[in-house]
Each structure stands twice: as C-alpha cells, then as structure tokens.
Amino acid sequence: MLTGGNSPRYLVELTARFHSATVMLTGYQALQTTGRTIQNQVDKSDSSSKTRIQRWDYESSVSSFS
C-alpha cells in the first residue's frame, strides 16, 4: 500500500534517482492509499506521461500454468 515503514521514502528515492524503475504492487491496495492511487493510474495513463505504468494480473498468469 506504500503507506508504512520506509516504502514512501523508497518510492520518492526511486523516482528522483532513476529514469525508469519497476514498482510491483502485490495484493490488495486499500482505498485512499498511495498503492491504490498508483493502481488507479493504470487506466488513466497516456503516452505523454514520463512515467510508464503497467498492470500484471498475477492470478491469470498462475492459472495459465495449471
């Protein structure tokens, strides 16, 4: 959810230091958290944004190996 511990600081450092980085959100992202805000941007992102956001459906990937 990127709300506790060092995760908010790490996210700021990643965006400040690197041209590109991958942040994987695992599990449920609660409402009104940074993780949910990022997750909601997936559907709103466009090519003009300098940040690339992708969604990977873990459950679909796992079921394809069954």
C-alpha atoms as a PDB file:
ATOM      1  CA  MET A   1       0.000   0.000   0.000  1.00  0.00           C
ATOM      2  CA  LEU A   2       3.107   2.169   0.194  1.00  0.00           C
ATOM      3  CA  THR A   3       1.971   3.858   3.384  1.00  0.00           C
ATOM      4  CA  GLY A   4       4.104   2.405   6.172  1.00  0.00           C
ATOM      5  CA  GLY A   5       7.699   1.881   7.104  1.00  0.00           C
ATOM      6  CA  ASN A   6      10.278   3.019   4.577  1.00  0.00           C
ATOM      7  CA  SER A   7       8.168   2.348   1.475  1.00  0.00           C
ATOM      8  CA  PRO A   8       7.090   6.002   0.920  1.00  0.00           C
ATOM      9  CA  ARG A   9      10.721   7.126   1.175  1.00  0.00           C
ATOM     10  CA  TYR A  10      11.890   4.392  -1.197  1.00  0.00           C
ATOM     11  CA  LEU A  11       9.282   5.392  -3.767  1.00  0.00           C
ATOM     12  CA  VAL A  12      10.434   9.027  -3.643  1.00  0.00           C
ATOM     13  CA  GLU A  13      14.075   7.940  -3.983  1.00  0.00           C
ATOM     14  CA  LEU A  14      13.285   5.699  -6.962  1.00  0.00           C
ATOM     15  CA  THR A  15      11.558   8.485  -8.843  1.00  0.00           C
ATOM     16  CA  ALA A  16      14.287  11.002  -8.026  1.00  0.00           C
ATOM     17  CA  ARG A  17      17.293   8.831  -8.878  1.00  0.00           C
ATOM     18  CA  PHE A  18      16.269   6.667 -11.808  1.00  0.00           C
ATOM     19  CA  HIS A  19      14.983   7.386 -15.293  1.00  0.00           C
ATOM     20  CA  SER A  20      12.941   4.189 -15.154  1.00  0.00           C
ATOM     21  CA  ALA A  21      12.110   1.764 -12.391  1.00  0.00           C
ATOM     22  CA  THR A  22       9.649  -1.028 -11.729  1.00  0.00           C
ATOM     23  CA  VAL A  23       7.369  -0.974  -8.707  1.00  0.00           C
ATOM     24  CA  MET A  24       5.320  -4.120  -8.187  1.00  0.00           C
ATOM     25  CA  LEU A  25       2.231  -3.818  -6.043  1.00  0.00           C
ATOM     26  CA  THR A  26       1.276  -7.155  -4.544  1.00  0.00           C
ATOM     27  CA  GLY A  27      -2.064  -7.971  -3.013  1.00  0.00           C
ATOM     28  CA  TYR A  28      -4.987  -5.723  -2.260  1.00  0.00           C
ATOM     29  CA  GLN A  29      -4.408  -1.964  -2.280  1.00  0.00           C
ATOM     30  CA  ALA A  30      -6.727  -0.324   0.252  1.00  0.00           C
ATOM     31  CA  LEU A  31      -8.731   2.764  -0.620  1.00  0.00           C
ATOM     32  CA  GLN A  32      -7.047   6.136  -0.048  1.00  0.00           C
ATOM     33  CA  THR A  33      -3.516   4.696  -0.036  1.00  0.00           C
ATOM     34  CA  THR A  34      -0.595   5.515  -2.300  1.00  0.00           C
ATOM     35  CA  GLY A  35      -0.696   1.984  -3.705  1.00  0.00           C
ATOM     36  CA  ARG A  36      -4.343   2.344  -4.749  1.00  0.00           C
ATOM     37  CA  THR A  37      -3.668   5.770  -6.275  1.00  0.00           C
ATOM     38  CA  ILE A  38      -0.871   4.305  -8.406  1.00  0.00           C
ATOM     39  CA  GLN A  39      -3.030   1.315  -9.313  1.00  0.00           C
ATOM     40  CA  ASN A  40      -5.863   3.609 -10.438  1.00  0.00           C
ATOM     41  CA  GLN A  41      -3.459   5.495 -12.726  1.00  0.00           C
ATOM     42  CA  VAL A  42      -3.047   2.369 -14.889  1.00  0.00           C
ATOM     43  CA  ASP A  43      -6.331   3.032 -16.648  1.00  0.00           C
ATOM     44  CA  LYS A  44      -5.708   6.781 -16.909  1.00  0.00           C
ATOM     45  CA  SER A  45      -2.088   6.716 -18.144  1.00  0.00           C
ATOM     46  CA  ASP A  46      -1.282   8.014 -21.601  1.00  0.00           C
ATOM     47  CA  SER A  47       1.788   8.151 -23.809  1.00  0.00           C
ATOM     48  CA  SER A  48       2.565  11.768 -22.865  1.00  0.00           C
ATOM     49  CA  SER A  49       3.321  10.789 -19.271  1.00  0.00           C
ATOM     50  CA  LYS A  50       7.000  10.306 -18.449  1.00  0.00           C
ATOM     51  CA  THR A  51       6.045   7.536 -16.046  1.00  0.00           C
ATOM     52  CA  ARG A  52       5.060   4.180 -17.505  1.00  0.00           C
ATOM     53  CA  ILE A  53       2.516   2.235 -15.507  1.00  0.00           C
ATOM     54  CA  GLN A  54       1.578  -1.343 -16.293  1.00  0.00           C
ATOM     55  CA  ARG A  55      -0.778  -3.844 -14.720  1.00  0.00           C
ATOM     56  CA  TRP A  56       0.164  -7.519 -14.474  1.00  0.00           C
ATOM     57  CA  ASP A  57      -2.565  -9.927 -13.484  1.00  0.00           C
ATOM     58  CA  TYR A  58      -0.820 -12.488 -11.273  1.00  0.00           C
ATOM     59  CA  GLU A  59      -3.850 -14.759 -10.956  1.00  0.00           C
ATOM     60  CA  SER A  60      -4.220 -15.102 -14.731  1.00  0.00           C
ATOM     61  CA  SER A  61      -0.533 -15.849 -15.093  1.00  0.00           C
ATOM     62  CA  VAL A  62      -0.596 -18.531 -12.417  1.00  0.00           C
ATOM     63  CA  SER A  63      -3.723 -20.211 -13.789  1.00  0.00           C
ATOM     64  CA  SER A  64      -2.153 -20.459 -17.247  1.00  0.00           C
ATOM     65  CA  PHE A  65       0.470 -22.845 -15.816  1.00  0.00           C
ATOM     66  CA  SER A  66      -2.103 -25.205 -14.304  1.00  0.00           C
END
